[in-house]
C-alpha atoms as a PDB file:
ATOM      1  CA  MET A   1      65.016 184.926 201.811  1.00  0.00           C
ATOM      2  CA  ASP A   2      68.160 184.092 203.410  1.00  0.00           C
ATOM      3  CA  LYS A   3      71.658 185.864 202.188  1.00  0.00           C
ATOM      4  CA  TRP A   4      71.982 183.550 199.900  1.00  0.00           C
ATOM      5  CA  LEU A   5      68.870 184.706 197.163  1.00  0.00           C
ATOM      6  CA  GLY A   6      67.449 181.645 198.221  1.00  0.00           C
ATOM      7  CA  THR A   7      70.061 179.069 196.202  1.00  0.00           C
ATOM      8  CA  PRO A   8      72.300 177.290 198.993  1.00  0.00           C
ATOM      9  CA  PRO A   9      75.958 177.444 198.668  1.00  0.00           C
ATOM     10  CA  SER A  10      76.301 173.801 198.092  1.00  0.00           C
ATOM     11  CA  VAL A  11      73.904 174.438 194.810  1.00  0.00           C
ATOM     12  CA  ILE A  12      75.618 178.270 193.670  1.00  0.00           C
ATOM     13  CA  ILE A  13      79.414 177.671 194.340  1.00  0.00           C
ATOM     14  CA  PRO A  14      79.608 174.529 191.772  1.00  0.00           C
ATOM     15  CA  ARG A  15      77.208 176.188 188.962  1.00  0.00           C
ATOM     16  CA  LEU A  16      79.924 179.451 189.369  1.00  0.00           C
ATOM     17  CA  GLN A  17      82.806 177.589 189.342  1.00  0.00           C
ATOM     18  CA  SER A  18      81.202 175.627 185.974  1.00  0.00           C
ATOM     19  CA  LEU A  19      80.948 179.073 184.815  1.00  0.00           C
ATOM     20  CA  LEU A  20      84.598 180.280 185.476  1.00  0.00           C
ATOM     21  CA  ASP A  21      85.731 177.048 184.059  1.00  0.00           C
ATOM     22  CA  ASP A  22      84.022 177.523 180.670  1.00  0.00           C
ATOM     23  CA  LEU A  23      84.912 181.630 180.802  1.00  0.00           C
ATOM     24  CA  GLN A  24      88.396 180.525 181.092  1.00  0.00           C
ATOM     25  CA  GLY A  25      88.265 178.028 178.586  1.00  0.00           C
ATOM     26  CA  LEU A  26      86.598 180.402 176.162  1.00  0.00           C
ATOM     27  CA  SER A  27      89.908 183.232 177.093  1.00  0.00           C
ATOM     28  CA  SER A  28      92.117 180.607 176.339  1.00  0.00           C
ATOM     29  CA  PRO A  29      94.498 180.968 173.083  1.00  0.00           C
ATOM     30  CA  GLY A  30      92.672 178.934 171.003  1.00  0.00           C
ATOM     31  CA  GLY A  31      89.591 179.574 172.629  1.00  0.00           C
ATOM     32  CA  PHE A  32      86.496 176.863 173.020  1.00  0.00           C
ATOM     33  CA  ALA A  33      84.134 176.392 170.379  1.00  0.00           C
ATOM     34  CA  GLY A  34      81.340 175.099 173.197  1.00  0.00           C
ATOM     35  CA  PRO A  35      79.848 172.044 174.025  1.00  0.00           C
ATOM     36  CA  ASP A  36      78.007 169.618 171.978  1.00  0.00           C
ATOM     37  CA  ASN A  37      75.289 169.022 174.831  1.00  0.00           C
ATOM     38  CA  ALA A  38      74.375 172.763 174.624  1.00  0.00           C
ATOM     39  CA  VAL A  39      70.212 173.415 174.699  1.00  0.00           C
ATOM     40  CA  THR A  40      68.783 174.608 171.631  1.00  0.00           C
ATOM     41  CA  ILE A  41      66.558 178.058 171.707  1.00  0.00           C
ATOM     42  CA  ARG A  42      64.720 179.263 168.880  1.00  0.00           C
ATOM     43  CA  ASN A  43      62.835 182.781 167.917  1.00  0.00           C
ATOM     44  CA  CYS A  44      65.573 183.471 170.833  1.00  0.00           C
ATOM     45  CA  MET A  45      66.102 187.294 171.748  1.00  0.00           C
ATOM     46  CA  LEU A  46      68.345 189.128 173.967  1.00  0.00           C
ATOM     47  CA  VAL A  47      66.061 190.815 176.924  1.00  0.00           C
ATOM     48  CA  GLN A  48      67.402 192.452 180.434  1.00  0.00           C
ATOM     49  CA  ARG A  49      65.461 191.951 183.536  1.00  0.00           C
ATOM     50  CA  SER A  50      67.487 192.768 186.660  1.00  0.00           C
ATOM     51  CA  VAL A  51      70.522 190.868 184.594  1.00  0.00           C
ATOM     52  CA  PRO A  52      70.769 190.079 181.212  1.00  0.00           C
ATOM     53  CA  CYS A  53      69.612 187.521 179.943  1.00  0.00           C
ATOM     54  CA  LEU A  54      67.279 185.211 177.053  1.00  0.00           C
ATOM     55  CA  ILE A  55      63.939 183.995 175.867  1.00  0.00           C
ATOM     56  CA  GLY A  56      62.705 182.099 173.720  1.00  0.00           C
ATOM     57  CA  GLU A  57      61.477 178.426 173.188  1.00  0.00           C
ATOM     58  CA  MET A  58      64.068 176.132 174.095  1.00  0.00           C
ATOM     59  CA  PHE A  59      64.242 172.575 173.255  1.00  0.00           C
ATOM     60  CA  GLY A  60      66.280 169.761 174.995  1.00  0.00           C
ATOM     61  CA  HIS A  61      66.641 171.292 178.353  1.00  0.00           C
ATOM     62  CA  PRO A  62      67.310 169.255 181.423  1.00  0.00           C
ATOM     63  CA  MET A  63      64.949 170.139 183.778  1.00  0.00           C
ATOM     64  CA  ILE A  64      62.034 172.124 181.758  1.00  0.00           C
ATOM     65  CA  LYS A  65      59.928 171.273 179.223  1.00  0.00           C
ATOM     66  CA  ASP A  66      60.282 171.948 175.452  1.00  0.00           C
ATOM     67  CA  GLY A  67      58.674 175.005 174.990  1.00  0.00           C
ATOM     68  CA  PRO A  68      59.067 178.933 176.388  1.00  0.00           C
ATOM     69  CA  GLY A  69      61.340 180.434 178.678  1.00  0.00           C
ATOM     70  CA  ILE A  70      63.868 182.397 180.272  1.00  0.00           C
ATOM     71  CA  THR A  71      67.197 181.457 180.729  1.00  0.00           C
ATOM     72  CA  SER A  72      69.071 182.272 183.611  1.00  0.00           C
ATOM     73  CA  GLN A  73      71.351 185.252 184.406  1.00  0.00           C
ATOM     74  CA  LEU A  74      73.506 185.687 181.000  1.00  0.00           C
ATOM     75  CA  PHE A  75      77.443 186.081 180.827  1.00  0.00           C
ATOM     76  CA  TYR A  76      78.639 184.811 177.423  1.00  0.00           C
ATOM     77  CA  LEU A  77      77.635 185.446 174.263  1.00  0.00           C
ATOM     78  CA  ASP A  78      79.033 184.818 170.963  1.00  0.00           C
ATOM     79  CA  ARG A  79      76.543 186.318 168.210  1.00  0.00           C
ATOM     80  CA  LYS A  80      78.759 184.778 165.021  1.00  0.00           C
ATOM     81  CA  GLN A  81      78.786 180.936 167.080  1.00  0.00           C
ATOM     82  CA  LYS A  82      75.588 181.403 167.352  1.00  0.00           C
ATOM     83  CA  LEU A  83      76.298 180.556 171.871  1.00  0.00           C
ATOM     84  CA  ALA A  84      75.872 181.905 175.148  1.00  0.00           C
ATOM     85  CA  ARG A  85      76.376 180.325 178.434  1.00  0.00           C
ATOM     86  CA  THR A  86      74.184 181.670 181.253  1.00  0.00           C
ATOM     87  CA  LEU A  87      74.575 180.914 185.524  1.00  0.00           C
ATOM     88  CA  SER A  88      73.603 177.504 184.696  1.00  0.00           C
ATOM     89  CA  ARG A  89      74.229 175.892 181.168  1.00  0.00           C
ATOM     90  CA  TRP A  90      75.042 176.241 177.294  1.00  0.00           C
ATOM     91  CA  TYR A  91      72.769 177.786 174.888  1.00  0.00           C
ATOM     92  CA  ARG A  92      73.287 177.578 171.196  1.00  0.00           C
ATOM     93  CA  PHE A  93      70.325 179.940 169.344  1.00  0.00           C
ATOM     94  CA  ASP A  94      70.647 178.039 165.984  1.00  0.00           C
ATOM     95  CA  GLU A  95      68.237 180.508 164.184  1.00  0.00           C
ATOM     96  CA  GLY A  96      70.123 183.736 165.679  1.00  0.00           C
ATOM     97  CA  LEU A  97      69.065 186.647 167.517  1.00  0.00           C
ATOM     98  CA  ILE A  98      65.646 187.901 166.666  1.00  0.00           C
END
């Protein structure tokens, strides 16, 4: 495995920049309620692998068919708004966490 852990800089840097932009928006006065295009995740639980992530049934993911799945590293979790931001994208857990 290379020093980029299998993800080339041309992929990881834009993802991290997008994450940074979202986290800055969340911390700004007035905050940010999240996007309209968040992936829905049901029967969701907060779990950990070597990094925090979510597992559950996903619906509307652009690259994974609907059904069971595990997210990338979790960076933001708002239980009240039922919203999470991973390295890759936003998730909305419409039925709450289990």
